[in-house]
Every structure is written in structure tokens, then in C-alpha cells.
Amino acid sequence: MKKALSIAGSDSGGGAGIQADLKTFQELEVFGMSALTAVTAQNTLGVQAVFPMTADAVSKQIESIGEDMGTDAVKTGMLFNAEIIKGVSEKIEYYNWKNVVVDPVMIAKGGASLLQLEAISALKQYLLPLALVITPNIPEAEVLTGMIIRSDEDKREAAKMLYDFGVKNVVVKGGHDEDRDESVDLLYDGNEFTNFTSIRVQTKNTHGTGCTFSAAVTAELAKGVSVYEAVSKAKSFIQAAIEDQLHIGQGHGPTNHWAYQKRNELKRQGIV
């Protein structure tokens, strides 16, 4: 049984954060574990409040996993402040975890800040050099690089800059390229660029897409596949989750975490 650890915040609405990660791990048949960094009061309309854990509380949770169960892959999501980032980085180094996926969560779908500005330098200094994969969307990539991303060439340049921070593989997601009919995620491994393209779905029900995508990458890495294979599978997983809508809540609704496996089951039955 392969295992995956999510170090992230809680979403009381169940669409993002720890909840989305554990649902994704389960659907992709890896055993999910968690270290909670913050509790949010949150729904499809936005984030009403954030209650961060102490850095020590986060570290202790990670220790509980590391000293007993261990993990085959780990992802980080909402880390909130510099102290938590530093503590998480120290634990990842201590346990020598290599399959590390960093989803640099900064802003919630409704616009609420989920990462303090002074924490960005800590993210670059401590965590990014430990990452096998980083999965920023375009606004997050802009904050991390300090550049404006408007074109495919800009995305490639941003990916190179992120790689130079010590990250081994960079995925710049294209979900915010809303003037295009396709969503193009760009993977850069330090040598070559690969595009993963899907049809853009016109919907407001995209809450938790970043968390879910990075969790799918993490689950596949836990199984021992290559980064290319993990990103490809994650792209298919999130595309199905967006297309098969649930229509929950009054705002940005969650994605459908069981859509991918349901489709596969229908294919096995010869129904689709």
C-alpha cells in the first residue's frame, strides 16, 4: 500500500485543502495522511476566517507520520506563514523525503490571501529547493518570479526562473489563461518543455482545482511513476472532475473527485 501525506489547510466546505487532497488520494488508491497547517471557515462564497496552527503543532503532526508510518510522497498546500514553511522544510529534510510536490497556495478562489507576503521569501529559500515538482497557477508564478505572464513564451521564461530556485520540475498551470479555448499546463524539467492540453470548460465550479491537481500528481508519484506520467494522469483526473459538475453551493462550487474513476468504471463495462 502506497502512502501520501498532505501538509495543508482545512477547507470546511470540503472542496479544497486537506479535504480535497484526501479525497483525491483515496480515488487514486493511495493511503492518505495529513498534517494540518490552518483551519479555515470557508464555503463556495469565499473564506470567512483563517485560524493558523503554530509551527510547532504542524511539525509535531509531521513527526507522528515520520516516526511511524512514513510516506511515499508528500505535498504541501496552504502553509500560511514563514515559521510554518521553515518548520515543514526542516522535517522534509530530516526524513529525507524526495517525492515532494509544492502547490504554492497564495490566494483562495474568492480572493482571500492564504499566504502572508513575508512568507514568500521563506518559500523560495527553504522549501522550493526540496521540491521535485512545483505546481503554480499563473498568478502564483507571477508572484514567485516577479514577472508578468501574458504569453506562452512568458510561461516558459517563468518556468526557467522557478527551476533556478532549485525545483527539479515546474508545472505552470494554464487555468487562468481565460481568453483561450484550451487550458494548457506547461511542464519544464530543466531540459525540455511539454504541454498538457485540455478543452476549457466554461464553469464557475472550479473551487479546489489546484489542490486536487497537485494531490493527483502526489498520489501518482507515490506509486513510483515518472513526473511526466504523474502530471499526465493528474491532468486527466482534474479535467474529469471539472467536466462532471456537482453544482454545490451558491458561489465557486467544488469539483467532482469521483468523476475520473466513475468514467473508468463505465469504460470497463463498455458503457462509454
Protein backbone atom coordinates (compact mmCIF):
# COMPACT_ATOMS: atom_id res chain seq x y z
CA MET A 1 0.00 0.00 0.00
CA LYS A 2 1.49 3.31 -1.11
CA LYS A 3 1.06 6.33 1.15
CA ALA A 4 0.83 10.09 0.57
CA LEU A 5 1.00 12.93 3.09
CA SER A 6 -0.69 16.29 2.64
CA ILE A 7 0.58 19.26 4.64
CA ALA A 8 -2.10 21.87 4.10
CA GLY A 9 -5.04 23.81 5.48
CA SER A 10 -8.56 22.60 6.15
CA ASP A 11 -11.48 23.75 3.98
CA SER A 12 -14.72 23.47 5.94
CA GLY A 13 -16.60 23.47 2.62
CA GLY A 14 -14.79 20.29 1.58
CA GLY A 15 -13.77 21.41 -1.90
CA ALA A 16 -10.12 22.34 -1.38
CA GLY A 17 -7.24 21.88 1.04
CA ILE A 18 -6.81 18.75 3.14
CA GLN A 19 -10.30 17.54 2.28
CA ALA A 20 -9.69 17.68 -1.48
CA ASP A 21 -6.29 16.04 -1.08
CA LEU A 22 -7.57 13.09 0.93
CA LYS A 23 -10.46 12.54 -1.49
CA THR A 24 -8.02 12.55 -4.39
CA PHE A 25 -5.61 10.16 -2.66
CA GLN A 26 -8.48 7.78 -1.97
CA GLU A 27 -9.74 7.88 -5.55
CA LEU A 28 -6.25 7.13 -6.86
CA GLU A 29 -5.83 4.27 -4.38
CA VAL A 30 -3.10 5.55 -2.12
CA PHE A 31 -3.42 5.83 1.66
CA GLY A 32 -3.80 9.48 2.61
CA MET A 33 -2.41 11.17 5.73
CA SER A 34 -2.44 14.79 6.81
CA ALA A 35 -0.69 17.49 8.81
CA LEU A 36 -2.99 20.46 9.33
CA THR A 37 -1.48 23.95 8.96
CA ALA A 38 -4.61 26.05 9.46
CA VAL A 39 -8.35 25.80 9.89
CA THR A 40 -10.43 27.95 7.58
CA ALA A 41 -14.07 28.92 7.86
CA GLN A 42 -14.83 28.60 4.17
CA ASN A 43 -17.57 27.83 1.66
CA THR A 44 -18.20 28.32 -2.05
CA LEU A 45 -18.70 32.07 -1.47
CA GLY A 46 -15.25 32.61 0.00
CA VAL A 47 -13.04 32.40 3.08
CA GLN A 48 -14.68 33.90 6.13
CA ALA A 49 -11.80 33.33 8.58
CA VAL A 50 -8.38 31.68 8.90
CA PHE A 51 -7.06 30.16 12.14
CA PRO A 52 -3.41 29.11 11.65
CA MET A 53 -1.75 26.38 13.67
CA THR A 54 1.55 27.07 15.42
CA ALA A 55 4.69 25.96 13.60
CA ASP A 56 5.36 23.51 16.43
CA ALA A 57 1.89 21.96 16.10
CA VAL A 58 2.50 21.39 12.38
CA SER A 59 5.95 19.92 12.98
CA LYS A 60 4.61 17.55 15.64
CA GLN A 61 2.00 16.19 13.24
CA ILE A 62 4.68 15.55 10.62
CA GLU A 63 6.84 13.83 13.23
CA SER A 64 3.96 11.49 14.11
CA ILE A 65 3.85 10.35 10.47
CA GLY A 66 7.62 10.22 10.00
CA GLU A 67 8.36 8.25 13.16
CA ASP A 68 5.78 5.55 12.49
CA MET A 69 4.13 5.26 9.09
CA GLY A 70 6.42 7.15 6.76
CA THR A 71 5.24 8.26 3.33
CA ASP A 72 6.00 7.59 -0.34
CA ALA A 73 5.20 11.16 -1.39
CA VAL A 74 4.30 14.44 0.26
CA LYS A 75 2.56 17.57 -0.94
CA THR A 76 2.35 20.99 0.62
CA GLY A 77 -0.57 23.32 0.14
CA MET A 78 -1.54 26.29 2.27
CA LEU A 79 1.40 26.96 4.63
CA PHE A 80 0.33 30.49 5.65
CA ASN A 81 3.49 31.92 7.24
CA ALA A 82 7.28 31.79 7.25
CA GLU A 83 7.55 29.90 10.55
CA ILE A 84 5.39 27.04 9.28
CA ILE A 85 7.28 26.94 5.97
CA LYS A 86 10.63 26.73 7.74
CA GLY A 87 9.42 24.02 10.13
CA VAL A 88 7.89 21.94 7.32
CA SER A 89 11.09 22.23 5.27
CA GLU A 90 13.21 21.07 8.20
CA LYS A 91 11.04 17.97 8.69
CA ILE A 92 11.09 17.09 4.99
CA GLU A 93 14.89 17.30 5.06
CA TYR A 94 15.14 15.33 8.30
CA TYR A 95 13.09 12.42 6.96
CA ASN A 96 14.80 12.67 3.55
CA TRP A 97 11.51 12.69 1.66
CA LYS A 98 12.20 13.09 -2.07
CA ASN A 99 8.80 12.94 -3.81
CA VAL A 100 7.83 16.43 -2.69
CA VAL A 101 5.12 18.35 -4.54
CA VAL A 102 4.75 22.04 -3.67
CA ASP A 103 1.45 23.70 -4.52
CA PRO A 104 2.28 27.33 -3.62
CA VAL A 105 -1.20 28.25 -2.41
CA MET A 106 -1.45 32.02 -2.07
CA ILE A 107 -4.97 33.21 -2.86
CA ALA A 108 -8.34 31.48 -2.47
CA LYS A 109 -10.80 31.35 -5.37
CA GLY A 110 -12.77 34.22 -3.83
CA GLY A 111 -9.66 36.40 -3.46
CA ALA A 112 -8.73 35.86 0.21
CA SER A 113 -4.99 35.78 0.94
CA LEU A 114 -3.78 32.40 2.18
CA LEU A 115 -0.05 33.19 2.37
CA GLN A 116 1.49 36.13 4.18
CA LEU A 117 3.68 38.28 1.92
CA GLU A 118 6.78 37.85 4.09
CA ALA A 119 6.42 34.09 3.72
CA ILE A 120 7.22 34.17 0.01
CA SER A 121 10.96 34.59 0.58
CA ALA A 122 10.87 31.68 3.07
CA LEU A 123 9.12 29.56 0.45
CA LYS A 124 11.91 30.30 -2.04
CA GLN A 125 14.74 29.85 0.45
CA TYR A 126 13.68 26.75 2.35
CA LEU A 127 11.01 24.76 0.52
CA LEU A 128 11.49 25.14 -3.23
CA PRO A 129 15.00 23.58 -3.24
CA LEU A 130 13.41 20.43 -1.75
CA ALA A 131 10.64 20.17 -4.36
CA LEU A 132 10.54 17.51 -7.02
CA VAL A 133 7.56 19.33 -8.56
CA ILE A 134 6.02 22.77 -8.10
CA THR A 135 2.53 23.47 -9.48
CA PRO A 136 1.80 27.23 -9.53
CA ASN A 137 -1.03 28.78 -11.47
CA ILE A 138 -0.22 31.90 -13.48
CA PRO A 139 -0.86 34.45 -10.67
CA GLU A 140 1.26 32.39 -8.25
CA ALA A 141 4.05 32.07 -10.81
CA GLU A 142 3.95 35.85 -11.29
CA VAL A 143 4.34 36.47 -7.55
CA LEU A 144 7.21 33.97 -7.23
CA THR A 145 9.12 35.28 -10.26
CA GLY A 146 8.20 38.95 -10.16
CA MET A 147 7.29 38.89 -13.85
CA ILE A 148 4.04 39.41 -15.75
CA ILE A 149 2.89 36.33 -17.69
CA ARG A 150 0.85 37.04 -20.80
CA SER A 151 2.15 34.64 -23.45
CA ASP A 152 3.44 31.09 -23.89
CA GLU A 153 6.95 32.50 -24.03
CA ASP A 154 6.34 34.23 -20.70
CA LYS A 155 5.25 30.91 -19.19
CA ARG A 156 8.42 29.25 -20.42
CA GLU A 157 10.57 32.05 -19.01
CA ALA A 158 8.77 31.85 -15.65
CA ALA A 159 9.27 28.07 -15.59
CA LYS A 160 13.01 28.57 -16.11
CA MET A 161 13.16 31.09 -13.28
CA LEU A 162 11.31 28.74 -10.92
CA TYR A 163 13.63 25.90 -11.92
CA ASP A 164 16.58 28.10 -10.97
CA PHE A 165 15.22 28.28 -7.40
CA GLY A 166 16.21 24.61 -7.12
CA VAL A 167 12.94 22.98 -8.14
CA LYS A 168 13.52 19.87 -10.26
CA ASN A 169 10.27 20.05 -12.28
CA VAL A 170 7.97 23.02 -12.83
CA VAL A 171 4.32 22.86 -13.90
CA VAL A 172 2.87 26.28 -14.77
CA LYS A 173 -0.86 25.69 -14.98
CA GLY A 174 -2.95 27.39 -17.64
CA GLY A 175 -6.32 27.61 -15.94
CA HIS A 176 -6.09 31.41 -15.62
CA ASP A 177 -5.45 31.84 -19.37
CA GLU A 178 -9.17 32.51 -19.74
CA ASP A 179 -9.03 34.08 -23.20
CA ARG A 180 -8.06 30.70 -24.69
CA ASP A 181 -10.36 27.85 -25.67
CA GLU A 182 -7.89 25.38 -24.21
CA SER A 183 -6.21 25.01 -20.83
CA VAL A 184 -2.51 24.35 -21.37
CA ASP A 185 -0.31 23.21 -18.47
CA LEU A 186 3.41 23.59 -19.13
CA LEU A 187 5.93 21.11 -17.67
CA TYR A 188 9.62 22.03 -17.58
CA ASP A 189 12.21 19.52 -16.34
CA GLY A 190 15.29 21.64 -16.85
CA ASN A 191 15.88 20.32 -20.37
CA GLU A 192 12.62 20.38 -22.29
CA PHE A 193 9.10 21.77 -22.23
CA THR A 194 5.96 19.63 -22.51
CA ASN A 195 2.42 20.93 -22.93
CA PHE A 196 -0.60 19.13 -21.48
CA THR A 197 -3.70 20.44 -23.21
CA SER A 198 -7.40 20.06 -22.43
CA ILE A 199 -10.60 21.73 -23.59
CA ARG A 200 -11.55 24.67 -21.38
CA VAL A 201 -14.83 24.12 -19.53
CA GLN A 202 -16.91 27.27 -19.04
CA THR A 203 -17.95 26.91 -15.41
CA LYS A 204 -17.65 28.67 -12.06
CA ASN A 205 -17.37 25.30 -10.28
CA THR A 206 -13.59 25.19 -10.05
CA HIS A 207 -13.00 25.53 -6.31
CA GLY A 208 -10.09 23.33 -5.26
CA THR A 209 -8.77 22.56 -8.74
CA GLY A 210 -5.19 23.43 -7.79
CA CYS A 211 -5.28 21.32 -4.63
CA THR A 212 -6.83 18.39 -6.47
CA PHE A 213 -4.37 18.55 -9.38
CA SER A 214 -1.30 18.63 -7.12
CA ALA A 215 -2.75 15.87 -4.93
CA ALA A 216 -3.20 13.69 -8.02
CA VAL A 217 0.43 14.32 -9.01
CA THR A 218 1.47 13.36 -5.47
CA ALA A 219 -0.59 10.17 -5.47
CA GLU A 220 0.92 9.01 -8.74
CA LEU A 221 4.48 9.81 -7.62
CA ALA A 222 3.80 7.73 -4.50
CA LYS A 223 3.15 4.81 -6.84
CA GLY A 224 6.58 5.25 -8.39
CA VAL A 225 5.70 6.62 -11.82
CA SER A 226 7.68 9.33 -13.61
CA VAL A 227 6.89 13.03 -13.23
CA TYR A 228 5.65 13.10 -16.83
CA GLU A 229 3.24 10.22 -16.16
CA ALA A 230 2.09 11.75 -12.88
CA VAL A 231 1.30 15.12 -14.48
CA SER A 232 -0.47 13.45 -17.40
CA LYS A 233 -2.68 11.40 -15.06
CA ALA A 234 -3.38 14.43 -12.89
CA LYS A 235 -4.43 16.43 -15.95
CA SER A 236 -6.95 13.73 -16.91
CA PHE A 237 -8.16 13.47 -13.31
CA ILE A 238 -8.85 17.19 -12.89
CA GLN A 239 -10.40 17.50 -16.35
CA ALA A 240 -12.97 14.84 -15.46
CA ALA A 241 -13.55 16.48 -12.06
CA ILE A 242 -14.32 19.83 -13.73
CA GLU A 243 -16.44 18.44 -16.58
CA ASP A 244 -18.75 16.29 -14.43
CA GLN A 245 -20.11 19.12 -12.34
CA LEU A 246 -21.76 18.79 -8.92
CA HIS A 247 -23.42 22.24 -8.66
CA ILE A 248 -22.94 22.59 -4.90
CA GLY A 249 -23.22 25.97 -3.19
CA GLN A 250 -24.01 29.48 -4.36
CA GLY A 251 -20.52 30.52 -5.45
CA HIS A 252 -17.45 28.74 -6.84
CA GLY A 253 -18.55 25.13 -6.35
CA PRO A 254 -16.21 22.17 -5.77
CA THR A 255 -15.05 19.75 -8.42
CA ASN A 256 -16.19 16.14 -8.68
CA HIS A 257 -13.46 13.99 -7.17
CA TRP A 258 -15.02 10.67 -8.14
CA ALA A 259 -15.63 11.57 -11.80
CA TYR A 260 -12.35 10.09 -13.09
CA GLN A 261 -12.82 6.65 -11.53
CA LYS A 262 -16.51 6.60 -12.44
CA ARG A 263 -15.61 7.19 -16.08
CA ASN A 264 -13.04 4.40 -15.97
CA GLU A 265 -15.60 2.03 -14.48
CA LEU A 266 -18.09 2.86 -17.24
CA LYS A 267 -15.37 2.20 -19.82
CA ARG A 268 -14.61 -1.16 -18.24
CA GLN A 269 -18.29 -2.02 -18.50
CA GLY A 270 -18.32 -0.95 -22.15
CA ILE A 271 -20.93 1.75 -21.46
CA VAL A 272 -18.81 4.62 -22.79
